[in-house]
Amino acid sequence: MIAGGFLLLGVFLLVGRWIGGGTSSALASAATWFIPIWLIAAGVNLLVGVARAGYPVADEVPYFLVVFAVPAAAAGLLWWRFSRG
């Protein structure tokens, strides 16, 4: 799932580069747009783990946090780098 997050981040950056002409602000915007979309995707993963696999929410929340945080932190670092110029 985390690898899927990095793949999705790459797609967002490619689309941001394509639409924005490769400017730093377009790439920073793409990284910013990724974070809420990834939060939704990680939340769906949590719901599937609880509803379909039968895991308790208390067991799934730590995995949710890691699954969300690792790609989101990468997106945050990219946003910081691209927004600086």
N, C-alpha and C. Protein backbone atom coordinates (compact mmCIF):
# COMPACT_ATOMS: atom_id res chain seq x y z
N MET A 1 0.83 -1.19 0.00
CA MET A 1 0.00 0.00 0.00
C MET A 1 0.88 1.26 0.00
N ILE A 2 1.96 1.21 0.75
CA ILE A 2 2.86 2.37 0.79
C ILE A 2 3.50 2.59 -0.58
N ALA A 3 3.87 1.50 -1.24
CA ALA A 3 4.44 1.63 -2.59
C ALA A 3 3.40 2.23 -3.54
N GLY A 4 2.14 1.86 -3.36
CA GLY A 4 1.08 2.46 -4.15
C GLY A 4 0.97 3.96 -3.90
N GLY A 5 1.21 4.37 -2.67
CA GLY A 5 1.22 5.80 -2.36
C GLY A 5 2.32 6.55 -3.07
N PHE A 6 3.50 5.93 -3.11
CA PHE A 6 4.60 6.57 -3.84
C PHE A 6 4.33 6.60 -5.34
N LEU A 7 3.72 5.55 -5.83
CA LEU A 7 3.34 5.52 -7.25
C LEU A 7 2.32 6.62 -7.55
N LEU A 8 1.32 6.77 -6.69
CA LEU A 8 0.32 7.82 -6.88
C LEU A 8 0.96 9.21 -6.78
N LEU A 9 1.89 9.38 -5.87
CA LEU A 9 2.61 10.66 -5.77
C LEU A 9 3.36 10.95 -7.05
N GLY A 10 3.99 9.94 -7.62
CA GLY A 10 4.68 10.11 -8.90
C GLY A 10 3.72 10.51 -10.01
N VAL A 11 2.54 9.92 -10.02
CA VAL A 11 1.53 10.28 -11.02
C VAL A 11 1.12 11.73 -10.84
N PHE A 12 0.89 12.14 -9.60
CA PHE A 12 0.52 13.53 -9.34
C PHE A 12 1.62 14.48 -9.82
N LEU A 13 2.88 14.14 -9.56
CA LEU A 13 3.98 15.00 -9.98
C LEU A 13 4.09 15.05 -11.50
N LEU A 14 3.89 13.91 -12.16
CA LEU A 14 3.93 13.91 -13.63
C LEU A 14 2.80 14.75 -14.22
N VAL A 15 1.62 14.62 -13.67
CA VAL A 15 0.49 15.42 -14.15
C VAL A 15 0.73 16.90 -13.85
N GLY A 16 1.27 17.20 -12.67
CA GLY A 16 1.59 18.58 -12.34
C GLY A 16 2.64 19.16 -13.27
N ARG A 17 3.61 18.35 -13.63
CA ARG A 17 4.63 18.80 -14.57
C ARG A 17 4.04 19.02 -15.95
N TRP A 18 3.15 18.12 -16.36
CA TRP A 18 2.53 18.21 -17.68
C TRP A 18 1.60 19.43 -17.76
N ILE A 19 0.78 19.62 -16.76
CA ILE A 19 -0.17 20.73 -16.78
C ILE A 19 0.53 22.06 -16.52
N GLY A 20 1.45 22.08 -15.57
CA GLY A 20 2.08 23.33 -15.17
C GLY A 20 3.34 23.67 -15.91
N GLY A 21 3.72 22.88 -16.87
CA GLY A 21 4.92 23.18 -17.64
C GLY A 21 6.21 22.93 -16.89
N GLY A 22 6.17 22.16 -15.83
CA GLY A 22 7.40 21.81 -15.11
C GLY A 22 7.89 22.87 -14.15
N THR A 23 7.07 23.88 -13.86
CA THR A 23 7.50 24.91 -12.92
C THR A 23 7.49 24.36 -11.50
N SER A 24 8.27 24.96 -10.65
CA SER A 24 8.34 24.53 -9.26
C SER A 24 7.01 24.69 -8.55
N SER A 25 6.29 25.77 -8.86
CA SER A 25 5.01 25.98 -8.19
C SER A 25 3.98 24.94 -8.61
N ALA A 26 4.03 24.48 -9.85
CA ALA A 26 3.11 23.44 -10.31
C ALA A 26 3.41 22.12 -9.61
N LEU A 27 4.67 21.81 -9.42
CA LEU A 27 5.04 20.57 -8.72
C LEU A 27 4.70 20.66 -7.24
N ALA A 28 4.87 21.83 -6.64
CA ALA A 28 4.48 22.01 -5.24
C ALA A 28 2.97 21.86 -5.09
N SER A 29 2.23 22.39 -6.03
CA SER A 29 0.77 22.26 -6.01
C SER A 29 0.35 20.80 -6.17
N ALA A 30 1.02 20.08 -7.03
CA ALA A 30 0.71 18.66 -7.23
C ALA A 30 0.96 17.87 -5.94
N ALA A 31 2.03 18.16 -5.25
CA ALA A 31 2.32 17.48 -3.98
C ALA A 31 1.27 17.85 -2.94
N THR A 32 0.79 19.09 -2.97
CA THR A 32 -0.25 19.52 -2.04
C THR A 32 -1.56 18.81 -2.32
N TRP A 33 -1.92 18.65 -3.59
CA TRP A 33 -3.15 17.96 -3.95
C TRP A 33 -3.10 16.48 -3.61
N PHE A 34 -1.92 15.91 -3.61
CA PHE A 34 -1.77 14.49 -3.32
C PHE A 34 -2.20 14.14 -1.89
N ILE A 35 -1.88 14.99 -0.94
CA ILE A 35 -2.06 14.64 0.48
C ILE A 35 -3.52 14.34 0.83
N PRO A 36 -4.51 15.18 0.49
CA PRO A 36 -5.88 14.81 0.85
C PRO A 36 -6.39 13.58 0.09
N ILE A 37 -5.96 13.42 -1.15
CA ILE A 37 -6.37 12.24 -1.92
C ILE A 37 -5.78 10.98 -1.28
N TRP A 38 -4.55 11.06 -0.82
CA TRP A 38 -3.92 9.92 -0.18
C TRP A 38 -4.57 9.63 1.18
N LEU A 39 -5.00 10.67 1.88
CA LEU A 39 -5.71 10.47 3.14
C LEU A 39 -6.99 9.67 2.91
N ILE A 40 -7.71 9.99 1.86
CA ILE A 40 -8.93 9.25 1.52
C ILE A 40 -8.59 7.80 1.17
N ALA A 41 -7.57 7.60 0.35
CA ALA A 41 -7.18 6.24 -0.05
C ALA A 41 -6.74 5.41 1.16
N ALA A 42 -5.97 6.01 2.06
CA ALA A 42 -5.54 5.29 3.26
C ALA A 42 -6.74 5.00 4.16
N GLY A 43 -7.70 5.92 4.21
CA GLY A 43 -8.92 5.69 4.98
C GLY A 43 -9.74 4.55 4.42
N VAL A 44 -9.81 4.46 3.09
CA VAL A 44 -10.52 3.34 2.47
C VAL A 44 -9.82 2.03 2.81
N ASN A 45 -8.51 2.04 2.80
CA ASN A 45 -7.75 0.85 3.19
C ASN A 45 -8.07 0.45 4.63
N LEU A 46 -8.17 1.42 5.52
CA LEU A 46 -8.54 1.14 6.90
C LEU A 46 -9.94 0.53 6.97
N LEU A 47 -10.88 1.12 6.23
CA LEU A 47 -12.24 0.60 6.25
C LEU A 47 -12.33 -0.83 5.72
N VAL A 48 -11.57 -1.11 4.68
CA VAL A 48 -11.56 -2.47 4.14
C VAL A 48 -10.99 -3.44 5.17
N GLY A 49 -9.95 -3.04 5.86
CA GLY A 49 -9.37 -3.91 6.88
C GLY A 49 -10.33 -4.18 8.02
N VAL A 50 -11.14 -3.19 8.36
CA VAL A 50 -12.09 -3.35 9.46
C VAL A 50 -13.34 -4.10 8.99
N ALA A 51 -13.92 -3.68 7.88
CA ALA A 51 -15.21 -4.23 7.44
C ALA A 51 -15.07 -5.60 6.78
N ARG A 52 -14.09 -5.77 5.92
CA ARG A 52 -13.99 -7.02 5.16
C ARG A 52 -13.10 -8.06 5.84
N ALA A 53 -11.98 -7.61 6.36
CA ALA A 53 -11.05 -8.57 6.97
C ALA A 53 -11.37 -8.85 8.42
N GLY A 54 -12.17 -7.99 9.04
CA GLY A 54 -12.61 -8.23 10.40
C GLY A 54 -11.63 -7.81 11.48
N TYR A 55 -10.64 -7.00 11.13
CA TYR A 55 -9.70 -6.54 12.15
C TYR A 55 -10.37 -5.45 13.00
N PRO A 56 -10.05 -5.38 14.29
CA PRO A 56 -10.58 -4.30 15.10
C PRO A 56 -9.95 -2.96 14.71
N VAL A 57 -10.70 -1.90 14.91
CA VAL A 57 -10.20 -0.56 14.56
C VAL A 57 -8.90 -0.27 15.31
N ALA A 58 -8.82 -0.66 16.55
CA ALA A 58 -7.62 -0.40 17.35
C ALA A 58 -6.38 -1.07 16.76
N ASP A 59 -6.56 -2.18 16.08
CA ASP A 59 -5.42 -2.84 15.43
C ASP A 59 -5.07 -2.19 14.10
N GLU A 60 -6.05 -1.61 13.42
CA GLU A 60 -5.83 -1.04 12.10
C GLU A 60 -5.29 0.38 12.13
N VAL A 61 -5.59 1.14 13.18
CA VAL A 61 -5.19 2.54 13.23
C VAL A 61 -3.67 2.73 13.14
N PRO A 62 -2.84 1.97 13.84
CA PRO A 62 -1.40 2.17 13.67
C PRO A 62 -0.93 1.92 12.23
N TYR A 63 -1.50 0.92 11.58
CA TYR A 63 -1.15 0.67 10.18
C TYR A 63 -1.62 1.82 9.30
N PHE A 64 -2.81 2.34 9.57
CA PHE A 64 -3.32 3.50 8.83
C PHE A 64 -2.36 4.67 8.94
N LEU A 65 -1.90 4.93 10.16
CA LEU A 65 -1.00 6.06 10.37
C LEU A 65 0.29 5.91 9.58
N VAL A 66 0.85 4.73 9.57
CA VAL A 66 2.09 4.50 8.82
C VAL A 66 1.83 4.58 7.32
N VAL A 67 0.76 3.92 6.88
CA VAL A 67 0.44 3.91 5.45
C VAL A 67 0.20 5.33 4.95
N PHE A 68 -0.46 6.16 5.75
CA PHE A 68 -0.70 7.54 5.34
C PHE A 68 0.56 8.39 5.48
N ALA A 69 1.25 8.25 6.61
CA ALA A 69 2.32 9.20 6.95
C ALA A 69 3.54 9.10 6.05
N VAL A 70 3.92 7.92 5.64
CA VAL A 70 5.18 7.79 4.89
C VAL A 70 5.08 8.50 3.53
N PRO A 71 4.10 8.21 2.66
CA PRO A 71 4.00 8.96 1.41
C PRO A 71 3.64 10.43 1.61
N ALA A 72 2.83 10.72 2.64
CA ALA A 72 2.46 12.12 2.90
C ALA A 72 3.68 12.93 3.34
N ALA A 73 4.56 12.32 4.12
CA ALA A 73 5.79 13.01 4.52
C ALA A 73 6.69 13.27 3.31
N ALA A 74 6.76 12.31 2.40
CA ALA A 74 7.53 12.52 1.17
C ALA A 74 6.92 13.66 0.36
N ALA A 75 5.59 13.69 0.27
CA ALA A 75 4.93 14.78 -0.45
C ALA A 75 5.18 16.12 0.23
N GLY A 76 5.17 16.12 1.56
CA GLY A 76 5.47 17.35 2.29
C GLY A 76 6.89 17.83 2.05
N LEU A 77 7.83 16.92 2.01
CA LEU A 77 9.21 17.31 1.71
C LEU A 77 9.35 17.85 0.29
N LEU A 78 8.66 17.21 -0.65
CA LEU A 78 8.69 17.71 -2.03
C LEU A 78 8.03 19.07 -2.14
N TRP A 79 6.91 19.25 -1.44
CA TRP A 79 6.25 20.56 -1.45
C TRP A 79 7.20 21.62 -0.91
N TRP A 80 7.87 21.31 0.20
CA TRP A 80 8.79 22.26 0.80
C TRP A 80 9.93 22.60 -0.17
N ARG A 81 10.46 21.60 -0.81
CA ARG A 81 11.56 21.85 -1.74
C ARG A 81 11.12 22.66 -2.96
N PHE A 82 9.98 22.29 -3.53
CA PHE A 82 9.52 22.99 -4.74
C PHE A 82 8.96 24.36 -4.44
N SER A 83 8.44 24.59 -3.25
CA SER A 83 7.89 25.90 -2.93
C SER A 83 8.97 26.93 -2.60
N ARG A 84 10.17 26.45 -2.35
CA ARG A 84 11.27 27.36 -2.05
C ARG A 84 11.90 27.94 -3.31
N GLY A 85 11.52 27.44 -4.45
CA GLY A 85 12.06 28.03 -5.66
C GLY A 85 12.57 27.02 -6.53
